[in-house]
C-alpha atoms as a PDB file:
ATOM      1  CA  MET A   1      88.516-124.272 103.765  1.00  0.00           C
ATOM      2  CA  LEU A   2      89.550-127.610 102.285  1.00  0.00           C
ATOM      3  CA  TYR A   3      88.526-128.153  98.646  1.00  0.00           C
ATOM      4  CA  TYR A   4      88.669-131.610  97.051  1.00  0.00           C
ATOM      5  CA  GLN A   5      87.353-132.637  93.647  1.00  0.00           C
ATOM      6  CA  GLN A   6      87.649-135.761  91.489  1.00  0.00           C
ATOM      7  CA  TYR A   7      87.626-135.989  87.685  1.00  0.00           C
ATOM      8  CA  TYR A   8      87.181-138.961  85.363  1.00  0.00           C
ATOM      9  CA  PRO A   9      89.902-139.893  82.859  1.00  0.00           C
ATOM     10  CA  SER A  10      89.354-140.122  79.111  1.00  0.00           C
ATOM     11  CA  ILE A  11      87.924-143.327  77.646  1.00  0.00           C
ATOM     12  CA  GLN A  12      91.367-144.478  76.479  1.00  0.00           C
ATOM     13  CA  LEU A  13      92.649-144.420  80.077  1.00  0.00           C
ATOM     14  CA  ALA A  14      89.498-145.536  81.894  1.00  0.00           C
ATOM     15  CA  ASP A  15      90.716-149.131  82.284  1.00  0.00           C
ATOM     16  CA  PHE A  16      93.851-147.973  84.097  1.00  0.00           C
ATOM     17  CA  ILE A  17      93.047-144.746  85.947  1.00  0.00           C
ATOM     18  CA  GLU A  18      90.308-144.486  88.546  1.00  0.00           C
ATOM     19  CA  CYS A  19      90.299-140.710  88.743  1.00  0.00           C
ATOM     20  CA  TYR A  20      92.271-137.486  88.823  1.00  0.00           C
ATOM     21  CA  TRP A  21      91.886-135.402  91.957  1.00  0.00           C
ATOM     22  CA  VAL A  22      92.734-131.922  93.141  1.00  0.00           C
ATOM     23  CA  LEU A  23      93.183-130.681  96.682  1.00  0.00           C
ATOM     24  CA  HIS A  24      93.393-127.056  97.757  1.00  0.00           C
ATOM     25  CA  ALA A  25      93.650-126.053 101.386  1.00  0.00           C
ATOM     26  CA  PRO A  26      94.700-122.950 103.332  1.00  0.00           C
ATOM     27  CA  ASP A  27      97.837-122.501 105.378  1.00  0.00           C
ATOM     28  CA  ARG A  28      98.244-125.068 108.154  1.00  0.00           C
ATOM     29  CA  PHE A  29      94.972-126.829 107.401  1.00  0.00           C
ATOM     30  CA  MET A  30      96.441-129.827 109.235  1.00  0.00           C
ATOM     31  CA  ASP A  31      97.914-128.624 112.516  1.00  0.00           C
ATOM     32  CA  ALA A  32      98.580-132.227 113.483  1.00  0.00           C
ATOM     33  CA  PRO A  33      99.344-135.335 111.413  1.00  0.00           C
ATOM     34  CA  ASP A  34      96.235-136.725 109.718  1.00  0.00           C
ATOM     35  CA  ARG A  35      95.451-140.388 109.099  1.00  0.00           C
ATOM     36  CA  LEU A  36      96.138-142.147 105.795  1.00  0.00           C
ATOM     37  CA  ILE A  37      94.159-145.377 105.915  1.00  0.00           C
ATOM     38  CA  PRO A  38      94.866-148.088 103.302  1.00  0.00           C
ATOM     39  CA  GLY A  39      92.702-147.867 100.189  1.00  0.00           C
ATOM     40  CA  GLY A  40      94.461-150.388  97.975  1.00  0.00           C
ATOM     41  CA  ARG A  41      95.606-148.017  95.208  1.00  0.00           C
ATOM     42  CA  VAL A  42      98.812-146.518  93.857  1.00  0.00           C
ATOM     43  CA  GLU A  43      98.845-142.745  93.295  1.00  0.00           C
ATOM     44  CA  LEU A  44     100.894-140.248  91.323  1.00  0.00           C
ATOM     45  CA  ILE A  45     100.984-136.890  93.147  1.00  0.00           C
ATOM     46  CA  PHE A  46     102.081-133.448  91.981  1.00  0.00           C
ATOM     47  CA  ASP A  47     102.493-131.006  94.868  1.00  0.00           C
ATOM     48  CA  PHE A  48     102.467-127.343  93.785  1.00  0.00           C
ATOM     49  CA  GLY A  49     102.065-125.932  97.291  1.00  0.00           C
ATOM     50  CA  ASP A  50     104.179-126.008 100.417  1.00  0.00           C
ATOM     51  CA  PRO A  51     106.008-129.256 101.260  1.00  0.00           C
ATOM     52  CA  THR A  52     104.123-132.231 102.618  1.00  0.00           C
ATOM     53  CA  ASP A  53     105.404-134.859 105.039  1.00  0.00           C
ATOM     54  CA  TRP A  54     104.070-138.297 104.058  1.00  0.00           C
ATOM     55  CA  LEU A  55     104.068-141.731 105.674  1.00  0.00           C
ATOM     56  CA  ILE A  56     104.643-140.554 109.228  1.00  0.00           C
ATOM     57  CA  THR A  57     104.889-143.328 111.823  1.00  0.00           C
ATOM     58  CA  ALA A  58     106.036-143.582 115.409  1.00  0.00           C
ATOM     59  CA  ASP A  59     109.391-144.865 114.116  1.00  0.00           C
ATOM     60  CA  ASN A  60     109.577-142.099 111.497  1.00  0.00           C
ATOM     61  CA  PRO A  61     107.970-139.063 113.183  1.00  0.00           C
ATOM     62  CA  HIS A  62     109.107-136.630 110.479  1.00  0.00           C
ATOM     63  CA  GLY A  63     107.771-138.796 107.666  1.00  0.00           C
ATOM     64  CA  THR A  64     109.103-138.652 104.115  1.00  0.00           C
ATOM     65  CA  ARG A  65     109.411-135.368 102.229  1.00  0.00           C
ATOM     66  CA  LEU A  66     110.363-135.368  98.556  1.00  0.00           C
ATOM     67  CA  SER A  67     110.468-132.611  95.962  1.00  0.00           C
ATOM     68  CA  GLY A  68     108.926-133.144  92.552  1.00  0.00           C
ATOM     69  CA  PRO A  69     106.219-135.612  91.529  1.00  0.00           C
ATOM     70  CA  VAL A  70     105.984-138.739  93.656  1.00  0.00           C
ATOM     71  CA  ILE A  71     104.493-142.197  93.472  1.00  0.00           C
ATOM     72  CA  MET A  72     102.795-143.356  96.648  1.00  0.00           C
ATOM     73  CA  GLY A  73     102.403-147.107  96.777  1.00  0.00           C
ATOM     74  CA  GLN A  74      99.557-149.137  98.192  1.00  0.00           C
ATOM     75  CA  ARG A  75      99.623-149.540 101.968  1.00  0.00           C
ATOM     76  CA  ASN A  76      98.828-152.259 104.487  1.00  0.00           C
ATOM     77  CA  GLN A  77      99.112-150.270 107.714  1.00  0.00           C
ATOM     78  CA  ILE A  78      98.285-146.887 109.194  1.00  0.00           C
ATOM     79  CA  PHE A  79     100.400-143.886 108.245  1.00  0.00           C
ATOM     80  CA  TYR A  80      99.969-140.157 108.805  1.00  0.00           C
ATOM     81  CA  VAL A  81     100.435-137.085 106.637  1.00  0.00           C
ATOM     82  CA  LYS A  82     101.152-133.489 107.628  1.00  0.00           C
ATOM     83  CA  SER A  83     101.057-130.293 105.606  1.00  0.00           C
ATOM     84  CA  THR A  84     103.653-127.602 106.313  1.00  0.00           C
ATOM     85  CA  GLY A  85     101.578-124.802 104.784  1.00  0.00           C
ATOM     86  CA  LYS A  86      99.161-124.243 101.911  1.00  0.00           C
ATOM     87  CA  ALA A  87      98.210-127.308  99.895  1.00  0.00           C
ATOM     88  CA  THR A  88      97.848-127.277  96.117  1.00  0.00           C
ATOM     89  CA  MET A  89      97.934-130.835  94.822  1.00  0.00           C
ATOM     90  CA  LEU A  90      97.020-132.696  91.675  1.00  0.00           C
ATOM     91  CA  GLY A  91      96.833-136.463  91.944  1.00  0.00           C
ATOM     92  CA  LEU A  92      96.160-139.476  89.799  1.00  0.00           C
ATOM     93  CA  ARG A  93      94.697-142.579  91.416  1.00  0.00           C
ATOM     94  CA  PHE A  94      95.453-145.714  89.413  1.00  0.00           C
ATOM     95  CA  LYS A  95      92.945-148.515  89.312  1.00  0.00           C
ATOM     96  CA  PRO A  96      94.162-151.739  90.886  1.00  0.00           C
ATOM     97  CA  GLY A  97      96.425-153.148  88.191  1.00  0.00           C
ATOM     98  CA  GLY A  98      96.412-149.886  86.207  1.00  0.00           C
ATOM     99  CA  LEU A  99     100.035-148.908  86.834  1.00  0.00           C
ATOM    100  CA  ALA A 100     101.118-151.962  84.839  1.00  0.00           C
ATOM    101  CA  ALA A 101     100.055-150.129  81.669  1.00  0.00           C
ATOM    102  CA  PHE A 102     102.877-147.622  82.233  1.00  0.00           C
ATOM    103  CA  THR A 103     105.673-149.698  83.771  1.00  0.00           C
ATOM    104  CA  ASN A 104     106.824-153.299  84.133  1.00  0.00           C
ATOM    105  CA  LEU A 105     107.781-152.779  87.779  1.00  0.00           C
ATOM    106  CA  PRO A 106     105.924-155.252  90.038  1.00  0.00           C
ATOM    107  CA  VAL A 107     103.519-153.230  92.167  1.00  0.00           C
ATOM    108  CA  SER A 108     104.425-155.394  95.175  1.00  0.00           C
ATOM    109  CA  ASP A 109     107.730-153.453  95.233  1.00  0.00           C
ATOM    110  CA  LEU A 110     105.778-150.267  96.090  1.00  0.00           C
ATOM    111  CA  LEU A 111     104.117-151.499  99.285  1.00  0.00           C
ATOM    112  CA  ASN A 112     104.284-148.711 101.904  1.00  0.00           C
ATOM    113  CA  ILE A 113     106.731-146.749  99.722  1.00  0.00           C
ATOM    114  CA  LEU A 114     106.926-143.114  98.620  1.00  0.00           C
ATOM    115  CA  MET A 115     109.414-142.527  95.809  1.00  0.00           C
ATOM    116  CA  PRO A 116     110.245-140.000  93.072  1.00  0.00           C
ATOM    117  CA  ALA A 117     107.907-140.677  90.164  1.00  0.00           C
ATOM    118  CA  GLU A 118     110.751-140.419  87.639  1.00  0.00           C
ATOM    119  CA  LEU A 119     112.222-143.665  88.987  1.00  0.00           C
ATOM    120  CA  ILE A 120     109.140-145.437  87.642  1.00  0.00           C
ATOM    121  CA  LEU A 121     107.787-143.246  84.863  1.00  0.00           C
ATOM    122  CA  GLY A 122     111.049-141.786  83.593  1.00  0.00           C
ATOM    123  CA  PRO A 123     112.498-138.248  83.569  1.00  0.00           C
ATOM    124  CA  ALA A 124     109.656-136.917  81.401  1.00  0.00           C
ATOM    125  CA  VAL A 125     107.402-136.816  84.467  1.00  0.00           C
ATOM    126  CA  LYS A 126     109.472-133.963  85.934  1.00  0.00           C
ATOM    127  CA  SER A 127     109.072-131.980  82.733  1.00  0.00           C
ATOM    128  CA  LEU A 128     105.384-132.726  82.920  1.00  0.00           C
ATOM    129  CA  GLU A 129     105.241-131.202  86.390  1.00  0.00           C
ATOM    130  CA  MET A 130     106.794-127.995  85.061  1.00  0.00           C
ATOM    131  CA  GLN A 131     104.237-127.884  82.256  1.00  0.00           C
ATOM    132  CA  LEU A 132     101.358-128.390  84.659  1.00  0.00           C
ATOM    133  CA  SER A 133     102.617-125.701  87.029  1.00  0.00           C
ATOM    134  CA  ASP A 134     102.234-123.150  84.214  1.00  0.00           C
ATOM    135  CA  TYR A 135      98.463-123.615  84.297  1.00  0.00           C
ATOM    136  CA  PRO A 136      96.647-122.138  87.313  1.00  0.00           C
ATOM    137  CA  ASP A 137      93.379-123.770  86.269  1.00  0.00           C
ATOM    138  CA  ASP A 138      92.650-127.326  87.527  1.00  0.00           C
ATOM    139  CA  ASP A 139      90.603-128.267  84.467  1.00  0.00           C
ATOM    140  CA  LYS A 140      93.426-127.331  82.110  1.00  0.00           C
ATOM    141  CA  ARG A 141      96.013-129.167  84.178  1.00  0.00           C
ATOM    142  CA  ILE A 142      93.936-132.342  84.092  1.00  0.00           C
ATOM    143  CA  GLN A 143      93.310-131.983  80.370  1.00  0.00           C
ATOM    144  CA  VAL A 144      97.054-131.710  79.720  1.00  0.00           C
ATOM    145  CA  LEU A 145      97.905-134.574  82.092  1.00  0.00           C
ATOM    146  CA  ASP A 146      95.320-136.859  80.501  1.00  0.00           C
ATOM    147  CA  ALA A 147      96.565-136.092  76.994  1.00  0.00           C
ATOM    148  CA  LEU A 148     100.193-136.794  77.875  1.00  0.00           C
ATOM    149  CA  LEU A 149      99.379-140.012  79.712  1.00  0.00           C
ATOM    150  CA  LYS A 150      97.629-141.345  76.629  1.00  0.00           C
ATOM    151  CA  THR A 151     100.936-141.045  74.772  1.00  0.00           C
ATOM    152  CA  ALA A 152     102.772-142.715  77.681  1.00  0.00           C
ATOM    153  CA  LEU A 153     100.767-145.953  77.572  1.00  0.00           C
ATOM    154  CA  ARG A 154     103.255-148.752  77.071  1.00  0.00           C
ATOM    155  CA  ASN A 155     101.063-151.802  76.867  1.00  0.00           C
ATOM    156  CA  THR A 156      97.807-153.389  77.863  1.00  0.00           C
ATOM    157  CA  PRO A 157      98.729-155.755  80.684  1.00  0.00           C
ATOM    158  CA  THR A 158      98.136-159.333  79.585  1.00  0.00           C
ATOM    159  CA  ASP A 159      96.565-160.145  82.955  1.00  0.00           C
ATOM    160  CA  GLN A 160      94.261-157.099  83.005  1.00  0.00           C
ATOM    161  CA  SER A 161      91.080-159.004  82.154  1.00  0.00           C
ATOM    162  CA  VAL A 162      91.622-161.520  84.961  1.00  0.00           C
ATOM    163  CA  VAL A 163      92.503-158.722  87.400  1.00  0.00           C
ATOM    164  CA  ASN A 164      89.379-156.755  86.463  1.00  0.00           C
ATOM    165  CA  LEU A 165      87.123-159.795  86.659  1.00  0.00           C
ATOM    166  CA  SER A 166      88.515-160.796  90.056  1.00  0.00           C
ATOM    167  CA  ILE A 167      88.168-157.278  91.458  1.00  0.00           C
ATOM    168  CA  ASP A 168      84.616-156.937  90.153  1.00  0.00           C
ATOM    169  CA  MET A 169      83.668-160.176  91.877  1.00  0.00           C
ATOM    170  CA  LEU A 170      85.291-159.149  95.150  1.00  0.00           C
ATOM    171  CA  ARG A 171      83.782-155.648  95.078  1.00  0.00           C
ATOM    172  CA  ASN A 172      80.306-156.286  93.739  1.00  0.00           C
ATOM    173  CA  SER A 173      79.228-159.623  95.163  1.00  0.00           C
ATOM    174  CA  GLN A 174      76.256-159.156  97.481  1.00  0.00           C
ATOM    175  CA  ASP A 175      77.678-161.874  99.694  1.00  0.00           C
ATOM    176  CA  ASP A 176      81.281-162.003 100.893  1.00  0.00           C
ATOM    177  CA  ILE A 177      82.627-164.071  98.014  1.00  0.00           C
ATOM    178  CA  SER A 178      85.507-166.406  98.808  1.00  0.00           C
ATOM    179  CA  ILE A 179      88.844-166.422  97.014  1.00  0.00           C
ATOM    180  CA  ASP A 180      88.190-170.076  96.138  1.00  0.00           C
ATOM    181  CA  THR A 181      85.077-168.960  94.259  1.00  0.00           C
ATOM    182  CA  VAL A 182      87.115-166.313  92.429  1.00  0.00           C
ATOM    183  CA  CYS A 183      89.590-169.013  91.390  1.00  0.00           C
ATOM    184  CA  GLN A 184      86.795-171.268  90.159  1.00  0.00           C
ATOM    185  CA  GLN A 185      85.163-168.509  88.101  1.00  0.00           C
ATOM    186  CA  THR A 186      88.418-167.237  86.587  1.00  0.00           C
ATOM    187  CA  GLY A 187      89.761-170.734  86.001  1.00  0.00           C
ATOM    188  CA  TRP A 188      93.040-169.822  87.707  1.00  0.00           C
ATOM    189  CA  TYR A 189      94.437-171.787  90.613  1.00  0.00           C
ATOM    190  CA  TYR A 190      95.275-169.753  93.720  1.00  0.00           C
ATOM    191  CA  LYS A 191      99.075-169.570  93.368  1.00  0.00           C
ATOM    192  CA  LYS A 192      98.798-168.246  89.826  1.00  0.00           C
ATOM    193  CA  LEU A 193      96.168-165.706  90.870  1.00  0.00           C
ATOM    194  CA  GLU A 194      98.410-164.708  93.766  1.00  0.00           C
ATOM    195  CA  ARG A 195     101.339-164.018  91.421  1.00  0.00           C
ATOM    196  CA  ILE A 196      99.107-161.880  89.191  1.00  0.00           C
ATOM    197  CA  PHE A 197      97.772-159.912  92.164  1.00  0.00           C
ATOM    198  CA  LEU A 198     101.223-159.281  93.628  1.00  0.00           C
ATOM    199  CA  LYS A 199     102.561-158.115  90.269  1.00  0.00           C
ATOM    200  CA  ASN A 200      99.607-155.890  89.328  1.00  0.00           C
ATOM    201  CA  ILE A 201      97.913-154.869  92.597  1.00  0.00           C
ATOM    202  CA  GLY A 202     100.642-155.334  95.172  1.00  0.00           C
ATOM    203  CA  TYR A 203      98.710-157.548  97.591  1.00  0.00           C
ATOM    204  CA  THR A 204      97.825-161.215  97.642  1.00  0.00           C
ATOM    205  CA  PRO A 205      94.161-161.849  96.731  1.00  0.00           C
ATOM    206  CA  LYS A 206      93.367-162.641 100.362  1.00  0.00           C
ATOM    207  CA  TYR A 207      94.967-159.457 101.647  1.00  0.00           C
ATOM    208  CA  TYR A 208      93.326-157.317  98.977  1.00  0.00           C
ATOM    209  CA  HIS A 209      90.016-158.878 100.013  1.00  0.00           C
ATOM    210  CA  LYS A 210      90.832-157.840 103.583  1.00  0.00           C
ATOM    211  CA  ILE A 211      91.483-154.229 102.471  1.00  0.00           C
ATOM    212  CA  LEU A 212      88.181-154.120 100.566  1.00  0.00           C
ATOM    213  CA  ARG A 213      86.225-155.511 103.499  1.00  0.00           C
ATOM    214  CA  PHE A 214      87.765-153.003 105.894  1.00  0.00           C
ATOM    215  CA  ASN A 215      86.922-150.078 103.619  1.00  0.00           C
ATOM    216  CA  LYS A 216      83.361-151.313 103.239  1.00  0.00           C
ATOM    217  CA  ALA A 217      83.122-151.642 107.024  1.00  0.00           C
ATOM    218  CA  VAL A 218      84.367-148.077 107.598  1.00  0.00           C
ATOM    219  CA  ARG A 219      81.685-146.749 105.266  1.00  0.00           C
ATOM    220  CA  CYS A 220      79.014-148.780 107.031  1.00  0.00           C
ATOM    221  CA  MET A 221      80.251-147.416 110.342  1.00  0.00           C
ATOM    222  CA  GLN A 222      80.163-143.840 109.049  1.00  0.00           C
ATOM    223  CA  ALA A 223      76.540-144.488 108.031  1.00  0.00           C
ATOM    224  CA  SER A 224      75.761-144.911 111.760  1.00  0.00           C
ATOM    225  CA  HIS A 225      75.514-148.692 111.817  1.00  0.00           C
ATOM    226  CA  THR A 226      76.381-150.284 115.146  1.00  0.00           C
ATOM    227  CA  LEU A 227      79.645-152.204 115.393  1.00  0.00           C
ATOM    228  CA  ALA A 228      77.688-155.448 115.664  1.00  0.00           C
ATOM    229  CA  ASP A 229      75.782-154.591 112.486  1.00  0.00           C
ATOM    230  CA  VAL A 230      78.982-153.614 110.681  1.00  0.00           C
ATOM    231  CA  SER A 231      80.606-156.904 111.643  1.00  0.00           C
ATOM    232  CA  HIS A 232      77.592-158.820 110.353  1.00  0.00           C
ATOM    233  CA  LEU A 233      77.112-156.796 107.141  1.00  0.00           C
ATOM    234  CA  CYS A 234      80.787-157.114 106.223  1.00  0.00           C
ATOM    235  CA  ASN A 235      81.064-160.798 107.163  1.00  0.00           C
ATOM    236  CA  TYR A 236      83.589-160.521 109.957  1.00  0.00           C
ATOM    237  CA  PHE A 237      83.715-163.616 112.146  1.00  0.00           C
ATOM    238  CA  ASP A 238      82.720-161.437 115.074  1.00  0.00           C
ATOM    239  CA  GLN A 239      82.996-157.877 116.383  1.00  0.00           C
ATOM    240  CA  ALA A 240      86.414-158.543 117.886  1.00  0.00           C
ATOM    241  CA  HIS A 241      87.827-159.437 114.452  1.00  0.00           C
ATOM    242  CA  PHE A 242      86.479-156.204 112.980  1.00  0.00           C
ATOM    243  CA  ILE A 243      88.001-154.121 115.796  1.00  0.00           C
ATOM    244  CA  ARG A 244      91.339-155.884 115.336  1.00  0.00           C
ATOM    245  CA  ASP A 245      91.413-155.004 111.624  1.00  0.00           C
ATOM    246  CA  PHE A 246      90.245-151.487 112.419  1.00  0.00           C
ATOM    247  CA  ARG A 247      93.148-150.945 114.827  1.00  0.00           C
ATOM    248  CA  LEU A 248      95.596-152.324 112.259  1.00  0.00           C
ATOM    249  CA  PHE A 249      94.439-149.979 109.491  1.00  0.00           C
ATOM    250  CA  THR A 250      93.584-146.838 111.474  1.00  0.00           C
ATOM    251  CA  GLY A 251      95.725-147.045 114.606  1.00  0.00           C
ATOM    252  CA  THR A 252      92.750-146.522 116.893  1.00  0.00           C
ATOM    253  CA  THR A 253      89.357-147.897 117.919  1.00  0.00           C
ATOM    254  CA  PRO A 254      86.125-147.325 115.972  1.00  0.00           C
ATOM    255  CA  SER A 255      84.635-145.166 118.733  1.00  0.00           C
ATOM    256  CA  GLN A 256      87.726-142.950 118.973  1.00  0.00           C
ATOM    257  CA  PHE A 257      87.956-142.636 115.191  1.00  0.00           C
ATOM    258  CA  LYS A 258      84.398-141.304 115.001  1.00  0.00           C
ATOM    259  CA  LYS A 259      85.186-138.656 117.624  1.00  0.00           C
ATOM    260  CA  GLU A 260      88.254-137.326 115.817  1.00  0.00           C
ATOM    261  CA  ASP A 261      88.582-134.860 112.963  1.00  0.00           C
ATOM    262  CA  ASN A 262      90.144-137.118 110.316  1.00  0.00           C
ATOM    263  CA  LYS A 263      90.113-134.721 107.373  1.00  0.00           C
ATOM    264  CA  ILE A 264      91.845-136.862 104.758  1.00  0.00           C
ATOM    265  CA  ALA A 265      90.259-140.159 105.803  1.00  0.00           C
ATOM    266  CA  ASP A 266      86.755-138.662 105.954  1.00  0.00           C
ATOM    267  CA  MET A 267      87.248-137.077 102.548  1.00  0.00           C
ATOM    268  CA  LEU A 268      88.293-140.342 100.939  1.00  0.00           C
ATOM    269  CA  ILE A 269      85.586-142.338 102.676  1.00  0.00           C
ATOM    270  CA  LYS A 270      83.106-139.961 101.122  1.00  0.00           C
ATOM    271  CA  HIS A 271      84.570-139.924  97.609  1.00  0.00           C
ATOM    272  CA  GLN A 272      86.727-142.986  97.022  1.00  0.00           C
ATOM    273  CA  ARG A 273      85.002-146.081  95.800  1.00  0.00           C
ATOM    274  CA  VAL A 274      85.478-149.280  97.797  1.00  0.00           C
END
């Protein structure tokens, strides 16, 4: 049986980290590659179980397998993941812009990338993995990880307030707010906002808006709305535009997606905030 649980970070890290998460699953819980749909975040992943093959595509059918802690960048296309055995993972999901508190690397460099975490966070992250592996209890592991990350904070990104304000507007507006409106309310012209987004979030504002709208649409669809209703509720020009985005980000049609057993995608749709 697959077990997944999320935990909140401490107050000192709440501006940068969305959540910690744990995943436990039995041997061969994914007999076939499972979908990884774009969610717009960067993640730090510790894998204490059997190896995992990430970012599988038709051009890379074996995916990417790395030992040690890894950073998975934000994505703009469909990838697949496959377990080779039992899964025991601890992950950290950064808020959009949150990674900038720990590194000066532009997040745009991480698009569709899986890389050893030490290349970004330094060699101490490998020692951290060894420390965490000594604790069999998830709560203790998260407590230790949170404490060590507080000491690893390098800076408060100077653009964090603008990033947070822009994201709040894009996420929480009852209507589908335009990027022009975001620029007007932040007082930043588009090209400057675009540079900030690419550096801190890894997408342009328009593309990040597209990712948010798609994720909102998937949740509406899972709530049994018709495709026409989803297109209207999420402000797609028409149903054809929604289906085009859906194919881009899931690799299939809405009707086929609902028929399939998408373990990872369904789990994140249920738990991960849009």
